[in-house]
Every structure is written in structure tokens, then in C-alpha cells.
Amino acid sequence: NFSPELERDRIECRSNRVIPALLCPWRNDAPDIERHAFVLTRDISSDG
């Protein structure tokens, strides 16, 4: 989770977790499933 330019402003704690997730663009108040992707988390914080 180290990135020098981000660490200056980051105050929340991050937990390293590798979890599969579904990512979709959000357009016009709905998921754009045509452009979905399966991704992996590398870390999770309290709000991201």
C-alpha cells in the first residue's frame, strides 16, 4: 500500500485483502454491465 505521493495525505488504515469483485461503470443511475470487469482488491480501507 505504499505510494509516496499518496501517503502524505492518507490517514486511514488499510487492510491487505485479495477479494474478487465486480466493477461496473455507473451511468444514468444504473450499472453499465456491457463494460463490466472482474477485479481483485489489493487493500480495503474504511471508505474505499
All heavy atoms as atom14 arrays in JSON, in Angstrom:
{
  "sequence": "NFSPELERDRIECRSNRVIPALLCPWRNDAPDIERHAFVLTRDISSDG",
  "atom14_mask": [
    [1, 1, 1, 1, 1, 1, 1, 1, 0, 0, 0, 0, 0, 0],
    [1, 1, 1, 1, 1, 1, 1, 1, 1, 1, 1, 0, 0, 0],
    [1, 1, 1, 1, 1, 1, 0, 0, 0, 0, 0, 0, 0, 0],
    [1, 1, 1, 1, 1, 1, 1, 0, 0, 0, 0, 0, 0, 0],
    [1, 1, 1, 1, 1, 1, 1, 1, 1, 0, 0, 0, 0, 0],
    [1, 1, 1, 1, 1, 1, 1, 1, 0, 0, 0, 0, 0, 0],
    [1, 1, 1, 1, 1, 1, 1, 1, 1, 0, 0, 0, 0, 0],
    [1, 1, 1, 1, 1, 1, 1, 1, 1, 1, 1, 0, 0, 0],
    [1, 1, 1, 1, 1, 1, 1, 1, 0, 0, 0, 0, 0, 0],
    [1, 1, 1, 1, 1, 1, 1, 1, 1, 1, 1, 0, 0, 0],
    [1, 1, 1, 1, 1, 1, 1, 1, 0, 0, 0, 0, 0, 0],
    [1, 1, 1, 1, 1, 1, 1, 1, 1, 0, 0, 0, 0, 0],
    [1, 1, 1, 1, 1, 1, 0, 0, 0, 0, 0, 0, 0, 0],
    [1, 1, 1, 1, 1, 1, 1, 1, 1, 1, 1, 0, 0, 0],
    [1, 1, 1, 1, 1, 1, 0, 0, 0, 0, 0, 0, 0, 0],
    [1, 1, 1, 1, 1, 1, 1, 1, 0, 0, 0, 0, 0, 0],
    [1, 1, 1, 1, 1, 1, 1, 1, 1, 1, 1, 0, 0, 0],
    [1, 1, 1, 1, 1, 1, 1, 0, 0, 0, 0, 0, 0, 0],
    [1, 1, 1, 1, 1, 1, 1, 1, 0, 0, 0, 0, 0, 0],
    [1, 1, 1, 1, 1, 1, 1, 0, 0, 0, 0, 0, 0, 0],
    [1, 1, 1, 1, 1, 0, 0, 0, 0, 0, 0, 0, 0, 0],
    [1, 1, 1, 1, 1, 1, 1, 1, 0, 0, 0, 0, 0, 0],
    [1, 1, 1, 1, 1, 1, 1, 1, 0, 0, 0, 0, 0, 0],
    [1, 1, 1, 1, 1, 1, 0, 0, 0, 0, 0, 0, 0, 0],
    [1, 1, 1, 1, 1, 1, 1, 0, 0, 0, 0, 0, 0, 0],
    [1, 1, 1, 1, 1, 1, 1, 1, 1, 1, 1, 1, 1, 1],
    [1, 1, 1, 1, 1, 1, 1, 1, 1, 1, 1, 0, 0, 0],
    [1, 1, 1, 1, 1, 1, 1, 1, 0, 0, 0, 0, 0, 0],
    [1, 1, 1, 1, 1, 1, 1, 1, 0, 0, 0, 0, 0, 0],
    [1, 1, 1, 1, 1, 0, 0, 0, 0, 0, 0, 0, 0, 0],
    [1, 1, 1, 1, 1, 1, 1, 0, 0, 0, 0, 0, 0, 0],
    [1, 1, 1, 1, 1, 1, 1, 1, 0, 0, 0, 0, 0, 0],
    [1, 1, 1, 1, 1, 1, 1, 1, 0, 0, 0, 0, 0, 0],
    [1, 1, 1, 1, 1, 1, 1, 1, 1, 0, 0, 0, 0, 0],
    [1, 1, 1, 1, 1, 1, 1, 1, 1, 1, 1, 0, 0, 0],
    [1, 1, 1, 1, 1, 1, 1, 1, 1, 1, 0, 0, 0, 0],
    [1, 1, 1, 1, 1, 0, 0, 0, 0, 0, 0, 0, 0, 0],
    [1, 1, 1, 1, 1, 1, 1, 1, 1, 1, 1, 0, 0, 0],
    [1, 1, 1, 1, 1, 1, 1, 0, 0, 0, 0, 0, 0, 0],
    [1, 1, 1, 1, 1, 1, 1, 1, 0, 0, 0, 0, 0, 0],
    [1, 1, 1, 1, 1, 1, 1, 0, 0, 0, 0, 0, 0, 0],
    [1, 1, 1, 1, 1, 1, 1, 1, 1, 1, 1, 0, 0, 0],
    [1, 1, 1, 1, 1, 1, 1, 1, 0, 0, 0, 0, 0, 0],
    [1, 1, 1, 1, 1, 1, 1, 1, 0, 0, 0, 0, 0, 0],
    [1, 1, 1, 1, 1, 1, 0, 0, 0, 0, 0, 0, 0, 0],
    [1, 1, 1, 1, 1, 1, 0, 0, 0, 0, 0, 0, 0, 0],
    [1, 1, 1, 1, 1, 1, 1, 1, 0, 0, 0, 0, 0, 0],
    [1, 1, 1, 1, 0, 0, 0, 0, 0, 0, 0, 0, 0, 0]
  ],
  "atom14_positions": [
    [[0.79, -1.23, 0.0], [0.0, 0.0, 0.0], [0.82, 1.27, 0.0], [0.32, 2.32, 0.35], [-0.93, 0.04, 1.22], [-1.68, -1.22, 1.37], [-2.12, -1.81, 0.41], [-1.82, -1.68, 2.61], [0.0, 0.0, 0.0], [0.0, 0.0, 0.0], [0.0, 0.0, 0.0], [0.0, 0.0, 0.0], [0.0, 0.0, 0.0], [0.0, 0.0, 0.0]],
    [[2.08, 1.21, -0.35], [2.92, 2.4, -0.27], [3.01, 3.11, -1.6], [3.34, 2.53, -2.61], [4.32, 2.04, 0.21], [5.21, 3.25, 0.34], [5.0, 4.15, 1.36], [6.22, 3.48, -0.57], [5.8, 5.26, 1.49], [7.03, 4.6, -0.44], [6.82, 5.5, 0.58], [0.0, 0.0, 0.0], [0.0, 0.0, 0.0], [0.0, 0.0, 0.0]],
    [[2.68, 4.36, -1.57], [2.86, 5.24, -2.7], [3.24, 6.59, -2.1], [2.42, 7.22, -1.43], [1.58, 5.34, -3.51], [1.71, 6.33, -4.5], [0.0, 0.0, 0.0], [0.0, 0.0, 0.0], [0.0, 0.0, 0.0], [0.0, 0.0, 0.0], [0.0, 0.0, 0.0], [0.0, 0.0, 0.0], [0.0, 0.0, 0.0], [0.0, 0.0, 0.0]],
    [[4.48, 7.05, -2.27], [4.92, 8.27, -1.58], [3.99, 9.46, -1.77], [3.72, 10.2, -0.83], [6.29, 8.54, -2.21], [6.76, 7.22, -2.72], [5.51, 6.48, -3.1], [0.0, 0.0, 0.0], [0.0, 0.0, 0.0], [0.0, 0.0, 0.0], [0.0, 0.0, 0.0], [0.0, 0.0, 0.0], [0.0, 0.0, 0.0], [0.0, 0.0, 0.0]],
    [[3.46, 9.64, -2.98], [2.6, 10.8, -3.2], [1.26, 10.67, -2.51], [0.61, 11.65, -2.19], [2.41, 11.11, -4.69], [1.82, 9.99, -5.52], [2.84, 8.98, -6.05], [4.02, 9.08, -5.72], [2.4, 8.08, -6.77], [0.0, 0.0, 0.0], [0.0, 0.0, 0.0], [0.0, 0.0, 0.0], [0.0, 0.0, 0.0], [0.0, 0.0, 0.0]],
    [[0.8, 9.44, -2.26], [-0.48, 9.24, -1.57], [-0.32, 9.2, -0.05], [-1.21, 9.61, 0.68], [-1.14, 7.94, -2.03], [-1.65, 7.92, -3.46], [-2.21, 6.55, -3.78], [-2.72, 8.97, -3.66], [0.0, 0.0, 0.0], [0.0, 0.0, 0.0], [0.0, 0.0, 0.0], [0.0, 0.0, 0.0], [0.0, 0.0, 0.0], [0.0, 0.0, 0.0]],
    [[0.79, 8.7, 0.43], [0.97, 8.51, 1.86], [0.93, 9.82, 2.64], [0.56, 9.84, 3.79], [2.28, 7.77, 2.15], [2.25, 6.32, 1.75], [1.18, 5.53, 2.45], [1.01, 5.66, 3.67], [0.49, 4.77, 1.77], [0.0, 0.0, 0.0], [0.0, 0.0, 0.0], [0.0, 0.0, 0.0], [0.0, 0.0, 0.0], [0.0, 0.0, 0.0]],
    [[1.31, 10.92, 2.02], [1.3, 12.21, 2.73], [-0.1, 12.56, 3.21], [-0.28, 13.08, 4.29], [1.82, 13.31, 1.8], [3.29, 13.25, 1.54], [3.7, 14.48, 0.77], [2.98, 14.56, -0.51], [3.51, 14.23, -1.68], [4.75, 13.83, -1.75], [2.8, 14.33, -2.79], [0.0, 0.0, 0.0], [0.0, 0.0, 0.0], [0.0, 0.0, 0.0]],
    [[-1.11, 12.27, 2.39], [-2.47, 12.68, 2.71], [-3.32, 11.56, 3.3], [-4.44, 11.8, 3.72], [-3.16, 13.19, 1.44], [-2.43, 14.38, 0.85], [-1.87, 15.17, 1.63], [-2.4, 14.5, -0.39], [0.0, 0.0, 0.0], [0.0, 0.0, 0.0], [0.0, 0.0, 0.0], [0.0, 0.0, 0.0], [0.0, 0.0, 0.0], [0.0, 0.0, 0.0]],
    [[-2.82, 10.36, 3.33], [-3.62, 9.22, 3.76], [-3.58, 9.09, 5.28], [-2.52, 8.99, 5.87], [-3.08, 7.94, 3.11], [-3.91, 6.74, 3.44], [-3.4, 5.51, 2.74], [-3.75, 5.6, 1.34], [-3.25, 4.83, 0.4], [-2.34, 3.94, 0.7], [-3.63, 4.94, -0.85], [0.0, 0.0, 0.0], [0.0, 0.0, 0.0], [0.0, 0.0, 0.0]],
    [[-4.77, 9.09, 5.9], [-4.83, 8.94, 7.34], [-5.51, 7.65, 7.76], [-5.34, 7.2, 8.88], [-5.52, 10.14, 8.01], [-6.92, 10.33, 7.46], [-4.7, 11.39, 7.88], [-7.75, 11.37, 8.18], [0.0, 0.0, 0.0], [0.0, 0.0, 0.0], [0.0, 0.0, 0.0], [0.0, 0.0, 0.0], [0.0, 0.0, 0.0], [0.0, 0.0, 0.0]],
    [[-6.28, 7.05, 6.87], [-7.0, 5.83, 7.25], [-6.07, 4.62, 7.17], [-5.09, 4.61, 6.44], [-8.24, 5.61, 6.39], [-7.98, 5.02, 5.03], [-7.62, 6.04, 3.95], [-7.57, 7.24, 4.24], [-7.38, 5.61, 2.82], [0.0, 0.0, 0.0], [0.0, 0.0, 0.0], [0.0, 0.0, 0.0], [0.0, 0.0, 0.0], [0.0, 0.0, 0.0]],
    [[-6.43, 3.62, 7.92], [-5.69, 2.36, 7.93], [-6.19, 1.49, 6.77], [-7.39, 1.45, 6.5], [-5.92, 1.66, 9.25], [-5.09, 0.08, 9.38], [0.0, 0.0, 0.0], [0.0, 0.0, 0.0], [0.0, 0.0, 0.0], [0.0, 0.0, 0.0], [0.0, 0.0, 0.0], [0.0, 0.0, 0.0], [0.0, 0.0, 0.0], [0.0, 0.0, 0.0]],
    [[-5.29, 0.82, 6.12], [-5.65, -0.07, 5.02], [-5.35, -1.5, 5.43], [-4.32, -1.78, 6.0], [-4.89, 0.29, 3.76], [-5.27, 1.65, 3.24], [-4.73, 1.85, 1.84], [-5.37, 2.95, 1.16], [-6.54, 2.9, 0.55], [-7.22, 1.81, 0.52], [-7.03, 3.95, -0.04], [0.0, 0.0, 0.0], [0.0, 0.0, 0.0], [0.0, 0.0, 0.0]],
    [[-6.27, -2.39, 5.09], [-6.09, -3.82, 5.36], [-5.84, -4.53, 4.05], [-6.61, -4.39, 3.1], [-7.36, -4.4, 6.01], [-7.64, -3.75, 7.22], [0.0, 0.0, 0.0], [0.0, 0.0, 0.0], [0.0, 0.0, 0.0], [0.0, 0.0, 0.0], [0.0, 0.0, 0.0], [0.0, 0.0, 0.0], [0.0, 0.0, 0.0], [0.0, 0.0, 0.0]],
    [[-4.74, -5.27, 3.98], [-4.44, -6.03, 2.77], [-5.41, -7.19, 2.66], [-5.45, -8.07, 3.52], [-3.01, -6.58, 2.82], [-1.99, -5.48, 2.81], [-2.2, -4.45, 2.18], [-0.88, -5.69, 3.5], [0.0, 0.0, 0.0], [0.0, 0.0, 0.0], [0.0, 0.0, 0.0], [0.0, 0.0, 0.0], [0.0, 0.0, 0.0], [0.0, 0.0, 0.0]],
    [[-6.2, -7.19, 1.6], [-7.15, -8.27, 1.34], [-7.25, -8.47, -0.16], [-7.45, -7.51, -0.91], [-8.56, -7.93, 1.86], [-8.67, -7.76, 3.35], [-8.48, -9.1, 4.08], [-8.66, -8.96, 5.49], [-7.72, -8.61, 6.36], [-6.52, -8.33, 5.94], [-7.99, -8.53, 7.64], [0.0, 0.0, 0.0], [0.0, 0.0, 0.0], [0.0, 0.0, 0.0]],
    [[-7.14, -9.7, -0.6], [-7.32, -10.04, -2.01], [-8.67, -10.73, -2.13], [-8.84, -11.87, -1.68], [-6.18, -10.95, -2.52], [-6.41, -11.31, -3.97], [-4.83, -10.25, -2.35], [0.0, 0.0, 0.0], [0.0, 0.0, 0.0], [0.0, 0.0, 0.0], [0.0, 0.0, 0.0], [0.0, 0.0, 0.0], [0.0, 0.0, 0.0], [0.0, 0.0, 0.0]],
    [[-9.64, -10.0, -2.71], [-11.01, -10.48, -2.82], [-11.49, -10.21, -4.25], [-11.31, -9.1, -4.75], [-11.94, -9.74, -1.84], [-11.44, -9.88, -0.4], [-13.38, -10.23, -1.97], [-12.13, -8.94, 0.57], [0.0, 0.0, 0.0], [0.0, 0.0, 0.0], [0.0, 0.0, 0.0], [0.0, 0.0, 0.0], [0.0, 0.0, 0.0], [0.0, 0.0, 0.0]],
    [[-12.1, -11.19, -4.91], [-12.66, -10.89, -6.23], [-13.87, -9.97, -6.09], [-14.63, -10.06, -5.12], [-13.06, -12.26, -6.77], [-13.22, -13.13, -5.58], [-12.31, -12.59, -4.52], [0.0, 0.0, 0.0], [0.0, 0.0, 0.0], [0.0, 0.0, 0.0], [0.0, 0.0, 0.0], [0.0, 0.0, 0.0], [0.0, 0.0, 0.0], [0.0, 0.0, 0.0]],
    [[-14.02, -9.07, -7.05], [-15.13, -8.13, -7.02], [-15.59, -7.85, -8.45], [-14.86, -8.08, -9.41], [-14.7, -6.83, -6.34], [0.0, 0.0, 0.0], [0.0, 0.0, 0.0], [0.0, 0.0, 0.0], [0.0, 0.0, 0.0], [0.0, 0.0, 0.0], [0.0, 0.0, 0.0], [0.0, 0.0, 0.0], [0.0, 0.0, 0.0], [0.0, 0.0, 0.0]],
    [[-16.8, -7.35, -8.56], [-17.37, -6.95, -9.84], [-17.32, -5.43, -9.9], [-17.8, -4.75, -9.0], [-18.81, -7.43, -9.97], [-19.58, -6.95, -11.2], [-18.98, -7.52, -12.48], [-21.05, -7.32, -11.09], [0.0, 0.0, 0.0], [0.0, 0.0, 0.0], [0.0, 0.0, 0.0], [0.0, 0.0, 0.0], [0.0, 0.0, 0.0], [0.0, 0.0, 0.0]],
    [[-16.76, -4.9, -10.98], [-16.66, -3.45, -11.2], [-17.44, -3.09, -12.45], [-17.24, -3.69, -13.5], [-15.18, -3.07, -11.37], [-14.87, -1.62, -11.69], [-15.22, -0.71, -10.52], [-13.4, -1.48, -12.06], [0.0, 0.0, 0.0], [0.0, 0.0, 0.0], [0.0, 0.0, 0.0], [0.0, 0.0, 0.0], [0.0, 0.0, 0.0], [0.0, 0.0, 0.0]],
    [[-18.34, -2.11, -12.31], [-19.13, -1.62, -13.45], [-19.09, -0.1, -13.45], [-19.22, 0.52, -12.38], [-20.59, -2.04, -13.36], [-20.91, -3.79, -13.57], [0.0, 0.0, 0.0], [0.0, 0.0, 0.0], [0.0, 0.0, 0.0], [0.0, 0.0, 0.0], [0.0, 0.0, 0.0], [0.0, 0.0, 0.0], [0.0, 0.0, 0.0], [0.0, 0.0, 0.0]],
    [[-18.98, 0.52, -14.61], [-19.22, 1.96, -14.66], [-20.65, 2.24, -14.21], [-21.55, 1.43, -14.44], [-19.04, 2.3, -16.13], [-18.24, 1.18, -16.71], [-18.64, -0.03, -15.92], [0.0, 0.0, 0.0], [0.0, 0.0, 0.0], [0.0, 0.0, 0.0], [0.0, 0.0, 0.0], [0.0, 0.0, 0.0], [0.0, 0.0, 0.0], [0.0, 0.0, 0.0]],
    [[-20.86, 3.37, -13.56], [-22.19, 3.77, -13.1], [-22.62, 4.96, -13.95], [-22.01, 6.03, -13.89], [-22.15, 4.14, -11.63], [-23.47, 4.46, -11.03], [-23.94, 5.69, -10.71], [-24.5, 3.53, -10.66], [-25.2, 5.59, -10.16], [-25.56, 4.28, -10.12], [-24.63, 2.15, -10.73], [-26.74, 3.69, -9.65], [-25.79, 1.56, -10.27], [-26.83, 2.32, -9.74]],
    [[-23.64, 4.75, -14.78], [-24.09, 5.79, -15.7], [-25.61, 5.88, -15.68], [-26.29, 4.85, -15.68], [-23.66, 5.46, -17.13], [-22.18, 5.48, -17.33], [-21.85, 5.12, -18.73], [-20.43, 5.35, -18.95], [-19.88, 5.39, -20.13], [-20.62, 5.21, -21.2], [-18.6, 5.6, -20.25], [0.0, 0.0, 0.0], [0.0, 0.0, 0.0], [0.0, 0.0, 0.0]],
    [[-26.12, 7.09, -15.68], [-27.57, 7.32, -15.71], [-28.3, 6.53, -14.63], [-29.3, 5.87, -14.9], [-28.13, 7.0, -17.1], [-27.46, 7.8, -18.18], [-27.22, 8.99, -18.01], [-27.12, 7.15, -19.28], [0.0, 0.0, 0.0], [0.0, 0.0, 0.0], [0.0, 0.0, 0.0], [0.0, 0.0, 0.0], [0.0, 0.0, 0.0], [0.0, 0.0, 0.0]],
    [[-27.73, 6.52, -13.43], [-28.33, 5.88, -12.27], [-28.5, 4.37, -12.44], [-29.44, 3.77, -11.92], [-29.69, 6.53, -11.95], [-30.12, 6.28, -10.52], [-29.24, 6.2, -9.63], [-31.33, 6.14, -10.28], [0.0, 0.0, 0.0], [0.0, 0.0, 0.0], [0.0, 0.0, 0.0], [0.0, 0.0, 0.0], [0.0, 0.0, 0.0], [0.0, 0.0, 0.0]],
    [[-27.56, 3.74, -13.17], [-27.62, 2.28, -13.37], [-26.23, 1.76, -13.73], [-25.39, 2.5, -14.26], [-28.6, 1.94, -14.49], [0.0, 0.0, 0.0], [0.0, 0.0, 0.0], [0.0, 0.0, 0.0], [0.0, 0.0, 0.0], [0.0, 0.0, 0.0], [0.0, 0.0, 0.0], [0.0, 0.0, 0.0], [0.0, 0.0, 0.0], [0.0, 0.0, 0.0]],
    [[-25.97, 0.47, -13.44], [-24.67, -0.1, -13.83], [-24.61, -0.34, -15.34], [-25.59, -0.76, -15.94], [-24.62, -1.42, -13.07], [-26.05, -1.78, -12.84], [-26.81, -0.49, -12.74], [0.0, 0.0, 0.0], [0.0, 0.0, 0.0], [0.0, 0.0, 0.0], [0.0, 0.0, 0.0], [0.0, 0.0, 0.0], [0.0, 0.0, 0.0], [0.0, 0.0, 0.0]],
    [[-23.47, -0.04, -15.93], [-23.24, -0.32, -17.35], [-22.61, -1.71, -17.44], [-21.39, -1.85, -17.42], [-22.32, 0.75, -17.94], [-22.06, 0.55, -19.43], [-22.49, -0.48, -19.99], [-21.4, 1.43, -20.02], [0.0, 0.0, 0.0], [0.0, 0.0, 0.0], [0.0, 0.0, 0.0], [0.0, 0.0, 0.0], [0.0, 0.0, 0.0], [0.0, 0.0, 0.0]],
    [[-23.46, -2.74, -17.52], [-22.96, -4.11, -17.46], [-22.19, -4.52, -18.71], [-21.41, -5.45, -18.67], [-24.08, -5.13, -17.15], [-25.13, -5.15, -18.24], [-24.69, -4.87, -15.8], [-26.09, -6.3, -18.12], [0.0, 0.0, 0.0], [0.0, 0.0, 0.0], [0.0, 0.0, 0.0], [0.0, 0.0, 0.0], [0.0, 0.0, 0.0], [0.0, 0.0, 0.0]],
    [[-22.39, -3.81, -19.8], [-21.65, -4.14, -21.03], [-20.16, -3.88, -20.84], [-19.34, -4.48, -21.53], [-22.18, -3.32, -22.22], [-23.61, -3.63, -22.58], [-23.82, -5.09, -22.98], [-22.96, -5.64, -23.7], [-24.83, -5.67, -22.57], [0.0, 0.0, 0.0], [0.0, 0.0, 0.0], [0.0, 0.0, 0.0], [0.0, 0.0, 0.0], [0.0, 0.0, 0.0]],
    [[-19.81, -3.01, -19.91], [-18.4, -2.66, -19.7], [-17.92, -3.11, -18.32], [-17.03, -2.48, -17.74], [-18.24, -1.16, -19.91], [-18.59, -0.78, -21.36], [-18.42, 0.67, -21.7], [-17.18, 1.23, -21.22], [-17.13, 2.34, -20.48], [-18.22, 2.99, -20.16], [-15.97, 2.8, -20.09], [0.0, 0.0, 0.0], [0.0, 0.0, 0.0], [0.0, 0.0, 0.0]],
    [[-18.48, -4.19, -17.82], [-18.08, -4.7, -16.51], [-16.69, -5.32, -16.57], [-16.18, -5.64, -17.65], [-19.09, -5.74, -16.0], [-18.91, -7.08, -16.62], [-19.43, -7.4, -17.85], [-18.21, -8.18, -16.2], [-19.09, -8.64, -18.15], [-18.35, -9.13, -17.17], [0.0, 0.0, 0.0], [0.0, 0.0, 0.0], [0.0, 0.0, 0.0], [0.0, 0.0, 0.0]],
    [[-16.1, -5.49, -15.39], [-14.81, -6.18, -15.26], [-14.79, -6.9, -13.92], [-15.35, -6.43, -12.94], [-13.66, -5.19, -15.33], [0.0, 0.0, 0.0], [0.0, 0.0, 0.0], [0.0, 0.0, 0.0], [0.0, 0.0, 0.0], [0.0, 0.0, 0.0], [0.0, 0.0, 0.0], [0.0, 0.0, 0.0], [0.0, 0.0, 0.0], [0.0, 0.0, 0.0]],
    [[-14.15, -8.04, -13.91], [-13.88, -8.72, -12.65], [-12.49, -8.27, -12.22], [-11.55, -8.28, -13.01], [-13.95, -10.24, -12.8], [-15.35, -10.72, -13.01], [-15.78, -11.09, -14.27], [-16.24, -10.78, -11.95], [-17.08, -11.51, -14.47], [-17.54, -11.2, -12.14], [-17.96, -11.57, -13.4], [0.0, 0.0, 0.0], [0.0, 0.0, 0.0], [0.0, 0.0, 0.0]],
    [[-12.38, -7.85, -10.98], [-11.14, -7.28, -10.46], [-10.8, -7.96, -9.14], [-11.6, -8.72, -8.59], [-11.28, -5.75, -10.26], [-11.62, -5.06, -11.58], [-12.34, -5.42, -9.2], [0.0, 0.0, 0.0], [0.0, 0.0, 0.0], [0.0, 0.0, 0.0], [0.0, 0.0, 0.0], [0.0, 0.0, 0.0], [0.0, 0.0, 0.0], [0.0, 0.0, 0.0]],
    [[-9.61, -7.68, -8.65], [-9.19, -8.13, -7.33], [-8.89, -6.92, -6.46], [-8.31, -5.93, -6.95], [-7.93, -8.98, -7.41], [-8.07, -10.34, -8.07], [-6.69, -11.0, -8.21], [-9.0, -11.23, -7.28], [0.0, 0.0, 0.0], [0.0, 0.0, 0.0], [0.0, 0.0, 0.0], [0.0, 0.0, 0.0], [0.0, 0.0, 0.0], [0.0, 0.0, 0.0]],
    [[-9.3, -6.98, -5.22], [-8.89, -5.93, -4.29], [-7.44, -6.2, -3.91], [-7.0, -7.35, -3.91], [-9.75, -5.91, -3.01], [-9.57, -7.14, -2.32], [-11.22, -5.68, -3.33], [0.0, 0.0, 0.0], [0.0, 0.0, 0.0], [0.0, 0.0, 0.0], [0.0, 0.0, 0.0], [0.0, 0.0, 0.0], [0.0, 0.0, 0.0], [0.0, 0.0, 0.0]],
    [[-6.73, -5.15, -3.6], [-5.4, -5.32, -3.02], [-5.41, -4.86, -1.58], [-4.64, -5.3, -0.76], [-4.32, -4.65, -3.85], [-4.4, -3.16, -3.92], [-3.3, -2.57, -4.73], [-2.29, -2.02, -3.84], [-1.27, -1.32, -4.25], [-1.09, -1.08, -5.51], [-0.41, -0.84, -3.4], [0.0, 0.0, 0.0], [0.0, 0.0, 0.0], [0.0, 0.0, 0.0]],
    [[-6.31, -3.91, -1.29], [-6.5, -3.46, 0.08], [-7.88, -2.81, 0.2], [-8.5, -2.44, -0.78], [-5.4, -2.49, 0.53], [-5.23, -1.29, -0.38], [-6.24, -0.67, -0.75], [-4.09, -0.96, -0.72], [0.0, 0.0, 0.0], [0.0, 0.0, 0.0], [0.0, 0.0, 0.0], [0.0, 0.0, 0.0], [0.0, 0.0, 0.0], [0.0, 0.0, 0.0]],
    [[-8.32, -2.72, 1.45], [-9.61, -2.12, 1.76], [-9.42, -1.19, 2.95], [-8.72, -1.55, 3.91], [-10.66, -3.21, 2.08], [-10.89, -4.1, 0.85], [-11.97, -2.59, 2.55], [-11.83, -5.25, 1.07], [0.0, 0.0, 0.0], [0.0, 0.0, 0.0], [0.0, 0.0, 0.0], [0.0, 0.0, 0.0], [0.0, 0.0, 0.0], [0.0, 0.0, 0.0]],
    [[-10.02, -0.01, 2.88], [-9.97, 0.92, 4.0], [-11.39, 1.15, 4.52], [-12.33, 0.49, 4.07], [-9.36, 2.25, 3.54], [-10.24, 2.94, 2.69], [0.0, 0.0, 0.0], [0.0, 0.0, 0.0], [0.0, 0.0, 0.0], [0.0, 0.0, 0.0], [0.0, 0.0, 0.0], [0.0, 0.0, 0.0], [0.0, 0.0, 0.0], [0.0, 0.0, 0.0]],
    [[-11.55, 2.1, 5.4], [-12.87, 2.35, 5.98], [-13.85, 2.95, 4.97], [-15.06, 2.86, 5.15], [-12.75, 3.28, 7.19], [-12.15, 4.5, 6.79], [0.0, 0.0, 0.0], [0.0, 0.0, 0.0], [0.0, 0.0, 0.0], [0.0, 0.0, 0.0], [0.0, 0.0, 0.0], [0.0, 0.0, 0.0], [0.0, 0.0, 0.0], [0.0, 0.0, 0.0]],
    [[-13.34, 3.54, 3.89], [-14.26, 4.15, 2.92], [-13.79, 3.97, 1.48], [-14.17, 4.74, 0.59], [-14.47, 5.63, 3.21], [-13.19, 6.45, 3.07], [-12.11, 5.87, 2.89], [-13.28, 7.68, 3.14], [0.0, 0.0, 0.0], [0.0, 0.0, 0.0], [0.0, 0.0, 0.0], [0.0, 0.0, 0.0], [0.0, 0.0, 0.0], [0.0, 0.0, 0.0]],
    [[-13.0, 2.94, 1.23], [-12.55, 2.73, -0.14], [-11.81, 1.42, -0.31], [-11.75, 0.59, 0.6], [0.0, 0.0, 0.0], [0.0, 0.0, 0.0], [0.0, 0.0, 0.0], [0.0, 0.0, 0.0], [0.0, 0.0, 0.0], [0.0, 0.0, 0.0], [0.0, 0.0, 0.0], [0.0, 0.0, 0.0], [0.0, 0.0, 0.0], [0.0, 0.0, 0.0]]
  ]
}
